[in-house]
Protein backbone atom coordinates (compact mmCIF):
# COMPACT_ATOMS: atom_id res chain seq x y z
CA MET A 1 126.40 71.72 151.36
CA SER A 2 126.38 71.18 147.58
CA GLY A 3 129.06 68.91 146.47
CA LYS A 4 129.78 71.32 143.40
CA THR A 5 133.58 72.58 143.01
CA THR A 6 134.34 75.85 141.71
CA ARG A 7 136.68 75.75 138.49
CA LYS A 8 139.48 78.08 138.52
CA PRO A 9 139.61 80.09 135.80
CA ALA A 10 142.06 79.11 132.94
CA PRO A 11 145.20 81.75 132.78
CA ARG A 12 144.89 84.55 130.55
CA ILE A 13 146.97 85.29 127.29
CA PHE A 14 148.41 88.70 127.54
CA VAL A 15 149.54 89.62 124.08
CA LEU A 16 152.02 92.77 124.71
CA ASP A 17 152.28 95.83 122.34
CA THR A 18 155.94 97.04 122.45
CA ASN A 19 155.50 100.59 123.85
CA VAL A 20 154.85 98.31 127.36
CA LEU A 21 158.18 96.15 126.93
CA MET A 22 159.64 99.75 126.40
CA HIS A 23 158.04 101.79 129.14
CA ASP A 24 159.10 98.83 131.71
CA PRO A 25 161.66 95.91 130.49
CA ALA A 26 160.78 93.61 132.99
CA SER A 27 156.74 93.80 132.49
CA LEU A 28 157.41 90.35 130.71
CA PHE A 29 157.55 89.59 134.36
CA ARG A 30 154.49 91.11 135.82
CA PHE A 31 151.78 88.77 134.99
CA GLU A 32 152.00 85.94 137.46
CA GLU A 33 150.35 82.84 136.60
CA HIS A 34 149.33 83.89 133.09
CA ASP A 35 151.12 83.50 129.86
CA VAL A 36 152.70 86.18 127.87
CA PHE A 37 152.42 86.20 123.75
CA LEU A 38 154.97 88.66 122.09
CA PRO A 39 154.10 88.87 118.09
CA ILE A 40 156.87 88.88 115.74
CA GLN A 41 156.05 92.61 115.19
CA THR A 42 156.89 93.46 118.86
CA LEU A 43 160.19 92.06 118.44
CA GLU A 44 160.73 94.20 115.06
CA GLU A 45 159.72 97.06 116.64
CA LEU A 46 162.55 96.29 119.28
CA ASP A 47 165.04 95.66 116.97
CA ASP A 48 164.22 99.17 115.29
CA HIS A 49 164.48 101.00 118.76
CA LYS A 50 168.00 99.06 120.05
CA LYS A 51 170.35 101.84 118.66
CA GLY A 52 170.91 105.05 120.48
CA MET A 53 171.46 106.36 123.94
CA SER A 54 168.03 107.21 124.68
CA GLU A 55 165.85 105.70 127.95
CA ILE A 56 163.84 103.87 125.40
CA ALA A 57 167.00 102.33 123.17
CA ARG A 58 168.18 101.09 126.25
CA ASN A 59 165.07 99.35 127.63
CA ALA A 60 164.71 98.07 123.73
CA ARG A 61 168.03 96.22 124.80
CA GLN A 62 167.21 95.27 128.48
CA VAL A 63 164.44 93.32 126.93
CA SER A 64 166.35 91.65 124.41
CA ARG A 65 169.47 90.57 126.55
CA ALA A 66 166.42 89.54 128.71
CA LEU A 67 164.73 87.30 125.75
CA ASP A 68 168.24 85.97 125.49
CA ASP A 69 168.38 84.57 128.44
CA MET A 70 165.27 83.18 128.70
CA LEU A 71 166.03 81.28 125.40
CA ALA A 72 169.41 80.05 126.53
CA LEU A 73 167.54 78.61 129.74
CA ALA A 74 164.92 76.70 127.56
CA GLY A 75 167.48 75.25 125.75
CA ASP A 76 166.51 73.00 122.64
CA GLY A 77 162.87 72.54 123.91
CA ASP A 78 159.71 73.30 122.01
CA ILE A 79 159.52 76.68 121.72
CA ASP A 80 155.85 76.37 120.47
CA LYS A 81 154.79 75.10 124.11
CA GLY A 82 156.24 78.19 125.67
CA ILE A 83 159.36 79.14 127.89
CA PRO A 84 158.77 79.25 131.73
CA LEU A 85 159.29 82.87 132.46
CA ALA A 86 162.32 83.16 134.52
CA VAL A 87 162.39 86.38 136.77
CA PRO A 88 165.54 88.12 137.36
CA SER A 89 166.15 86.95 140.73
CA GLY A 90 166.89 83.64 139.84
CA GLY A 91 162.82 82.21 140.52
CA LEU A 92 160.21 80.76 138.21
CA ALA A 93 157.32 82.35 137.48
CA SER A 94 154.23 80.52 137.26
CA GLY A 95 153.09 81.87 133.41
CA ARG A 96 154.90 81.02 130.07
CA LEU A 97 156.44 83.36 127.46
CA LEU A 98 154.61 82.59 123.95
CA LEU A 99 156.38 83.48 120.76
CA GLN A 100 155.13 83.81 117.38
CA THR A 101 156.76 81.00 115.43
CA GLN A 102 154.78 81.20 112.32
CA ALA A 103 153.25 83.49 110.07
CA ILE A 104 149.46 84.15 111.11
CA HIS A 105 147.01 85.37 108.48
CA VAL A 106 143.72 87.02 109.68
CA GLU A 107 141.54 89.11 107.55
CA LEU A 108 141.47 92.51 109.07
CA PRO A 109 138.40 95.03 108.06
CA ALA A 110 139.29 96.87 104.90
CA ALA A 111 140.07 100.50 106.50
CA LEU A 112 142.78 99.07 108.58
CA PRO A 113 146.02 98.86 106.59
CA THR A 114 147.94 95.04 107.19
CA SER A 115 151.33 97.28 106.49
CA LYS A 116 151.13 98.90 109.79
CA TYR A 117 152.78 97.31 112.93
CA ASP A 118 149.38 98.09 115.36
CA ASN A 119 146.86 96.42 112.86
CA GLN A 120 149.45 93.50 112.52
CA ILE A 121 149.48 93.04 116.36
CA LEU A 122 145.89 93.10 116.75
CA GLY A 123 145.69 90.62 113.47
CA VAL A 124 147.42 88.21 116.23
CA VAL A 125 145.05 89.49 118.79
CA ILE A 126 142.30 87.91 116.48
CA HIS A 127 143.93 84.79 115.59
CA LEU A 128 144.86 83.86 119.23
CA GLN A 129 141.26 84.46 120.45
CA HIS A 130 140.24 81.26 117.24
CA ILE A 131 142.85 79.06 118.42
CA TYR A 132 142.45 79.39 122.44
CA PRO A 133 138.48 79.87 122.50
CA LYS A 134 138.61 78.95 126.23
CA ARG A 135 141.31 81.20 127.47
CA LYS A 136 140.81 85.21 127.60
CA VAL A 137 142.98 87.11 125.26
CA THR A 138 143.97 90.43 126.43
CA LEU A 139 145.96 92.79 124.24
CA VAL A 140 148.33 95.34 126.88
CA SER A 141 149.19 98.83 125.25
CA LYS A 142 150.00 101.65 126.68
CA ASP A 143 149.11 103.76 123.33
CA ILE A 144 145.17 104.76 123.73
CA ASN A 145 144.04 104.94 119.98
CA MET A 146 145.79 101.27 119.79
CA ARG A 147 143.29 100.02 122.90
CA ILE A 148 140.56 102.02 121.31
CA LYS A 149 140.79 100.06 118.20
CA ALA A 150 141.10 96.71 120.02
CA ARG A 151 137.78 97.39 121.24
CA SER A 152 136.13 98.63 118.03
CA LEU A 153 136.89 95.02 116.88
CA GLY A 154 135.68 93.25 119.86
CA LEU A 155 139.09 92.49 121.36
CA SER A 156 139.87 92.66 124.63
CA ALA A 157 142.16 95.68 125.65
CA GLU A 158 144.02 96.98 128.68
CA ASP A 159 146.61 99.71 129.58
CA TYR A 160 149.44 98.27 131.78
CA PHE A 161 148.86 98.85 134.86
CA ASN A 162 151.79 97.75 136.89
CA ASP A 163 153.48 100.72 136.62
CA LYS A 164 151.37 102.93 138.68
CA VAL A 165 152.68 103.59 142.10
CA LEU A 166 149.48 104.56 143.33
CA GLU A 167 145.90 104.01 141.57
CA ASP A 168 144.70 107.24 143.37
CA THR A 169 147.22 110.36 143.55
CA ASP A 170 144.94 111.69 146.26
CA LEU A 171 146.13 109.05 148.51
CA LEU A 172 149.49 110.93 147.79
CA PRO A 173 150.85 112.17 151.17
CA THR A 174 150.85 116.32 151.47
CA GLY A 175 153.72 116.17 154.17
CA SER A 176 151.51 118.21 156.25
CA ARG A 177 148.48 117.55 159.24
CA ALA A 178 146.15 119.76 160.72
CA LEU A 179 145.62 118.63 164.52
CA PRO A 180 142.19 118.97 166.43
CA ALA A 181 141.60 121.71 168.62
CA ASP A 182 141.80 119.37 171.43
CA PHE A 183 145.25 118.07 170.60
CA TRP A 184 146.69 118.96 173.68
CA GLU A 185 144.16 117.73 176.13
CA THR A 186 144.43 114.32 174.44
CA HIS A 187 148.05 113.99 173.84
CA GLY A 188 149.57 116.60 176.63
CA GLN A 189 149.47 113.80 179.33
CA GLY A 190 152.61 113.11 180.86
CA MET A 191 154.57 115.41 178.44
CA GLU A 192 158.19 116.31 178.32
CA SER A 193 159.75 119.30 176.90
CA TRP A 194 163.72 120.03 176.45
CA LYS A 195 165.41 123.04 174.39
CA ILE A 196 167.51 121.68 171.77
CA GLY A 197 169.55 124.23 169.19
CA GLY A 198 167.27 126.72 170.25
CA LYS A 199 164.17 124.88 169.16
CA THR A 200 161.59 122.99 171.40
CA ARG A 201 161.09 118.91 171.53
CA TYR A 202 158.19 117.69 173.20
CA ARG A 203 157.63 113.75 173.86
CA ILE A 204 153.55 113.34 173.45
CA ARG A 205 151.62 110.15 173.66
CA GLY A 206 148.18 109.82 172.34
CA PRO A 207 145.65 108.62 169.95
CA LEU A 208 146.99 109.78 166.77
CA CYS A 209 151.09 109.21 167.27
CA PRO A 210 150.54 105.64 165.38
CA GLU A 211 149.56 107.92 162.35
CA PHE A 212 152.49 110.51 162.64
CA LEU A 213 155.50 110.10 159.85
CA VAL A 214 158.89 111.01 160.71
CA HIS A 215 159.43 114.74 159.21
CA GLU A 216 155.39 115.07 159.05
CA PHE A 217 154.34 118.76 159.29
CA LEU A 218 151.72 119.51 162.25
CA TYR A 219 149.80 122.43 162.82
CA LEU A 220 147.19 123.82 165.29
CA GLU A 221 145.74 127.06 164.35
CA GLY A 222 144.56 129.36 166.36
CA ALA A 223 146.12 132.21 168.69
CA PRO A 224 148.93 131.60 168.85
CA GLU A 225 149.63 129.27 165.46
CA PHE A 226 151.40 126.02 166.30
CA THR A 227 153.46 124.41 164.11
CA ALA A 228 156.06 121.51 164.21
CA ILE A 229 157.78 118.49 162.52
CA VAL A 230 157.51 115.11 163.33
CA LYS A 231 161.05 114.31 164.55
CA GLU A 232 160.65 110.67 165.88
CA SER A 233 157.64 108.19 166.19
CA THR A 234 157.43 104.94 167.43
CA GLY A 235 153.74 104.13 167.39
CA LYS A 236 152.97 104.71 171.06
CA GLU A 237 154.72 107.97 171.36
CA ALA A 238 156.20 110.95 169.27
CA VAL A 239 158.57 113.45 169.59
CA LEU A 240 157.97 116.83 167.81
CA GLU A 241 160.08 119.53 167.00
CA THR A 242 159.56 123.15 166.72
CA LEU A 243 160.13 125.22 163.55
CA VAL A 244 162.26 128.12 162.20
CA ASP A 245 160.10 131.02 161.50
CA HIS A 246 160.64 131.69 157.97
CA THR A 247 158.32 134.28 157.81
CA HIS A 248 159.75 136.80 159.60
CA PRO A 249 162.16 138.89 157.78
CA ARG A 250 165.04 137.85 160.44
CA SER A 251 164.74 134.49 159.59
CA ALA A 252 164.44 135.26 155.51
CA ILE A 253 166.82 132.85 153.26
CA TRP A 254 168.61 134.64 150.52
CA GLY A 255 166.30 137.67 150.70
CA ILE A 256 163.41 135.44 150.29
CA GLN A 257 160.51 135.03 153.02
CA ALA A 258 158.21 132.40 153.28
CA ARG A 259 154.66 133.87 152.47
CA ASN A 260 152.52 131.10 153.65
CA ARG A 261 152.46 128.11 155.67
CA GLU A 262 153.59 125.31 153.17
CA GLN A 263 156.28 127.75 151.95
CA ASN A 264 157.80 127.56 156.14
CA PHE A 265 157.42 124.05 155.80
CA ALA A 266 159.31 123.90 152.91
CA LEU A 267 162.45 126.13 153.77
CA ASN A 268 162.71 124.42 156.87
CA LEU A 269 163.35 121.09 154.76
CA LEU A 270 165.12 122.42 152.45
CA MET A 271 167.59 124.08 155.34
CA ASP A 272 167.69 121.14 157.29
CA PRO A 273 171.27 119.43 156.97
CA GLU A 274 170.21 115.98 158.14
CA ILE A 275 167.54 115.60 155.52
CA ASP A 276 169.11 114.28 152.04
CA PHE A 277 166.24 114.05 149.87
CA VAL A 278 163.51 116.66 149.50
CA SER A 279 160.32 116.45 147.35
CA LEU A 280 157.75 119.50 146.51
CA LEU A 281 154.99 119.21 144.62
CA GLY A 282 152.43 122.20 143.75
CA GLN A 283 150.99 123.94 140.77
CA ALA A 284 152.33 126.75 138.72
CA GLY A 285 153.51 129.94 140.97
CA THR A 286 153.55 128.44 144.52
CA GLY A 287 157.29 129.31 144.86
CA LYS A 288 158.76 125.74 144.28
CA THR A 289 161.92 126.71 142.09
CA LEU A 290 162.36 130.20 143.89
CA LEU A 291 162.74 128.70 147.55
CA THR A 292 164.82 125.77 146.30
CA LEU A 293 167.28 128.23 144.83
CA ALA A 294 167.33 130.90 148.02
CA ALA A 295 168.04 127.76 150.31
CA GLY A 296 170.57 126.47 147.47
CA LEU A 297 172.42 129.63 147.12
CA ALA A 298 172.48 130.17 150.99
CA GLN A 299 174.24 126.84 152.01
CA THR A 300 176.35 127.13 149.06
CA LEU A 301 177.82 130.64 149.35
CA GLU A 302 177.39 131.67 153.03
CA GLY A 303 176.86 128.06 154.93
CA LYS A 304 179.89 126.48 152.41
CA ARG A 305 177.65 123.43 152.96
CA TYR A 306 177.63 122.42 149.26
CA THR A 307 180.17 123.16 146.55
CA GLU A 308 177.81 124.18 143.67
CA ILE A 309 174.67 123.72 142.85
CA ILE A 310 173.44 121.24 140.08
CA PHE A 311 170.43 121.43 138.11
CA THR A 312 168.67 119.13 135.54
CA ARG A 313 165.54 118.75 134.18
CA VAL A 314 163.74 116.47 131.30
CA THR A 315 163.63 118.16 128.11
CA VAL A 316 160.20 117.64 127.11
CA PRO A 317 158.45 120.47 124.74
CA VAL A 318 155.25 121.65 125.29
CA GLY A 319 154.86 122.56 121.58
CA GLU A 320 156.39 121.18 118.63
CA ASP A 321 160.09 120.72 118.86
CA ILE A 322 162.89 123.44 117.49
CA GLY A 323 165.21 120.87 116.52
CA PHE A 324 168.56 120.54 117.40
CA LEU A 325 170.36 123.11 119.66
CA PRO A 326 173.94 124.65 119.09
CA GLY A 327 176.80 124.76 122.00
CA SER A 328 178.07 123.30 124.82
CA GLU A 329 176.11 120.80 126.88
CA GLU A 330 174.81 123.79 129.15
CA GLU A 331 174.29 126.17 125.93
CA LYS A 332 171.86 123.28 124.80
CA MET A 333 170.22 123.07 128.13
CA LEU A 334 169.88 127.16 128.54
CA PRO A 335 166.55 127.27 126.75
CA TRP A 336 164.84 125.03 128.71
CA MET A 337 166.07 126.69 131.81
CA GLY A 338 163.82 129.44 131.77
CA ALA A 339 162.56 129.06 135.08
CA LEU A 340 166.06 128.82 136.49
CA GLU A 341 166.92 132.27 135.16
CA ASP A 342 163.64 134.13 135.80
CA ASN A 343 164.54 133.05 139.37
CA LEU A 344 167.90 133.93 139.58
CA GLU A 345 166.83 137.23 138.37
CA VAL A 346 164.18 137.59 141.62
CA LEU A 347 167.41 136.44 143.97
CA THR A 348 169.85 138.49 142.58
CA HIS A 349 167.57 141.61 143.15
CA SER A 350 166.52 140.67 145.96
CA GLY A 351 169.53 141.84 147.95
CA GLU A 352 169.87 145.08 145.90
CA ALA A 353 169.98 146.96 148.89
CA GLY A 354 173.20 145.39 150.05
CA PHE A 355 174.82 146.05 146.89
CA SER A 356 177.64 148.94 146.64
CA GLY A 357 177.25 149.78 142.91
CA GLU A 358 176.52 147.89 139.62
CA TRP A 359 180.22 146.56 139.64
CA SER A 360 179.40 144.90 143.09
CA LYS A 361 175.88 143.63 141.66
CA ALA A 362 177.46 142.25 138.78
CA ALA A 363 180.12 140.72 140.47
CA THR A 364 177.83 138.75 142.92
CA THR A 365 175.47 137.95 139.92
CA ASP A 366 178.47 136.19 138.18
CA LEU A 367 179.83 134.41 141.43
CA ILE A 368 176.32 133.13 141.96
CA ARG A 369 176.41 131.86 138.24
CA ALA A 370 179.66 130.35 138.40
CA ARG A 371 178.40 128.13 141.29
CA ILE A 372 175.52 127.01 139.23
CA LYS A 373 176.04 123.94 136.58
CA VAL A 374 173.02 123.28 134.41
CA LYS A 375 173.30 119.42 133.27
CA SER A 376 171.48 117.35 130.95
CA LEU A 377 169.83 113.67 131.67
CA ASN A 378 171.53 111.92 129.06
CA PHE A 379 174.75 112.07 130.87
CA MET A 380 173.74 111.12 134.34
CA ARG A 381 174.37 107.25 134.14
CA GLY A 382 177.94 106.48 136.17
CA ARG A 383 178.31 110.09 137.52
CA THR A 384 178.83 110.82 141.52
CA PHE A 385 178.10 114.19 143.04
CA LEU A 386 179.87 114.87 146.12
CA SER A 387 178.82 117.60 148.35
CA LYS A 388 176.24 119.26 145.67
CA PHE A 389 173.08 120.69 145.98
CA LEU A 390 171.20 118.78 143.34
CA VAL A 391 167.87 120.24 141.87
CA ILE A 392 165.38 118.03 139.81
CA ASP A 393 162.91 120.35 138.58
CA GLU A 394 159.60 118.95 136.11
CA ALA A 395 160.13 115.73 137.76
CA GLN A 396 156.49 115.02 136.81
CA ASN A 397 158.08 114.22 133.32
CA LEU A 398 160.33 111.52 134.43
CA THR A 399 159.66 107.66 134.62
CA PRO A 400 160.44 105.59 137.96
CA LYS A 401 163.70 104.12 136.08
CA GLN A 402 165.02 107.81 135.23
CA VAL A 403 164.57 108.89 138.75
CA LYS A 404 166.15 106.25 140.45
CA THR A 405 169.36 107.19 137.81
CA LEU A 406 169.27 110.53 138.99
CA VAL A 407 168.89 109.81 142.73
CA THR A 408 171.50 107.35 142.69
CA ARG A 409 173.77 109.39 141.77
CA ALA A 410 174.29 111.11 145.14
CA GLY A 411 177.65 110.56 146.80
CA PRO A 412 178.59 111.96 150.79
CA GLY A 413 176.98 114.96 151.46
CA THR A 414 175.16 115.94 148.67
CA LYS A 415 171.12 116.99 148.85
CA VAL A 416 168.91 115.94 146.34
CA VAL A 417 165.31 118.12 145.63
CA CYS A 418 162.79 116.87 143.27
CA LEU A 419 160.05 119.38 142.53
CA GLY A 420 157.40 119.22 139.94
CA ASN A 421 153.49 119.16 139.29
CA ILE A 422 151.73 115.59 138.62
CA ALA A 423 148.85 117.72 137.13
CA GLN A 424 151.44 119.12 134.16
CA ILE A 425 152.82 115.71 132.62
CA ASP A 426 154.14 116.20 129.16
CA THR A 427 155.95 112.70 128.77
CA PRO A 428 153.74 110.10 126.52
CA TYR A 429 152.57 107.19 128.37
CA LEU A 430 153.61 108.51 131.88
CA THR A 431 150.12 109.15 134.02
CA GLU A 432 149.74 110.83 137.62
CA GLY A 433 149.93 107.31 138.88
CA SER A 434 152.93 106.22 137.21
CA SER A 435 155.26 109.14 137.11
CA GLY A 436 158.64 109.13 138.88
CA LEU A 437 157.79 112.08 141.12
CA THR A 438 154.62 109.77 142.35
CA TYR A 439 156.79 107.02 142.67
CA VAL A 440 159.96 109.07 144.73
CA VAL A 441 157.13 110.71 146.99
CA ASP A 442 155.58 107.42 147.64
CA ARG A 443 158.59 105.03 148.15
CA PHE A 444 160.48 107.69 150.23
CA ARG A 445 157.60 108.25 153.04
CA GLY A 446 158.44 107.93 156.49
CA TRP A 447 162.87 107.81 155.75
CA SER A 448 164.29 109.34 158.82
CA HIS A 449 166.47 111.33 156.20
CA SER A 450 163.90 112.91 153.62
CA GLY A 451 161.06 115.16 153.81
CA HIS A 452 158.08 115.99 151.53
CA ILE A 453 155.50 119.04 151.28
CA THR A 454 152.95 119.71 148.62
CA LEU A 455 152.50 123.69 148.57
CA GLN A 456 149.16 124.77 148.23
CA ARG A 457 148.66 128.81 147.80
CA GLY A 458 150.13 130.48 144.45
CA GLU A 459 152.23 133.20 144.96
CA ARG A 460 153.38 134.71 141.61
CA SER A 461 150.45 137.02 141.18
CA ARG A 462 146.75 137.58 141.20
CA LEU A 463 146.05 136.91 137.66
CA ALA A 464 148.44 133.49 137.87
CA ASP A 465 146.29 132.46 140.46
CA HIS A 466 142.92 133.26 138.98
CA ALA A 467 143.86 131.67 135.48
CA THR A 468 145.10 128.31 137.52
CA GLU A 469 141.43 128.29 139.06
CA ILE A 470 139.36 129.70 135.80
CA LEU A 471 141.23 127.72 132.84
């Protein structure tokens, strides 16, 4: 046996770009035993962004307060040697916070103007490499171009990965599972069944039971097809419940029938009063908004389960911003609510046969619109919604913190529905792995009052389906 011992590598030094702190204010405490260095340019940029009511401004202020608390705890100690990173829970991280306390002069390539903050931060990274030759110095930035410039100068640069819920979004649950053809042979031994509320429940045992999640949908193709939802899962056994068949006209919701298996699963989740949180993923045209509005209207106007529907979404433009919009909060939000208007038009026409004339049709349309409120994300903080049907559209453009702010608005009797497509993210610095939609789908997995389904098939039109495949 060799007497040599492996030396543990020296802790790294991570230089944080401002966008990392504004994206995740707790990022200071995410680097374990490694040291975090904040250039003076980062502090200047935080100061520039601290004013206002936006999420970025709130995050900038939160970081400034955290830095102030750590400096107060450090007292009159030598800041040059670093400040122990005190985590918010009161414990201590093993790394240190290093602040730039003196001017740094580094010769940058002539093509990089020193007037830009980004280039000054690159100069800081070069300087730290010179004074800490035995430690690895890495720039952490959410800005792709910043990382490219750093690597072109031979510097180590990384994205901020701690905000990612999943490295591979293919690992996200789809909410449904195909059963093997021999399912009843392997799981039907000693099976019990009983009726409850017009549905049949089965208590089964078998090798697949430990894999089942509560409110996961199961289907067995064949004649006849078997579909069910997992109501209980203890590992050794599971309780399954048959579904309402919303593909049949007699079970249509506000005149809308499910056109495929996943839409039927989605309507069962949306209509279940025991499920408080529903997330629907799917590409354009799969029916996420239409199904949600139909279920919301049926339970608000017919079932009286909710007092009104609250509809909100993040206002991120696909093209260039068109500037300020006039009017009240709802009037300002209307240009962002094209999907809502389009689907309402479908839903008000779906029952035209029941209207006794134009007056009745107009009165019904007015009644529907009176029960739907469009709200902006900017005014959600501090609110509580009681017995509301809250729809969060385009949730893939929200950060995990924004999603938390919205979902925690739910009071007694409120149902929250998150809709989105993680392949269509328009918010800077967000990826499929760090999106708020990915975050809630992963964190609510298996909770007894939540459900999730990924809609697979487009039902908008043959043109839209073909365009999704080839473009």
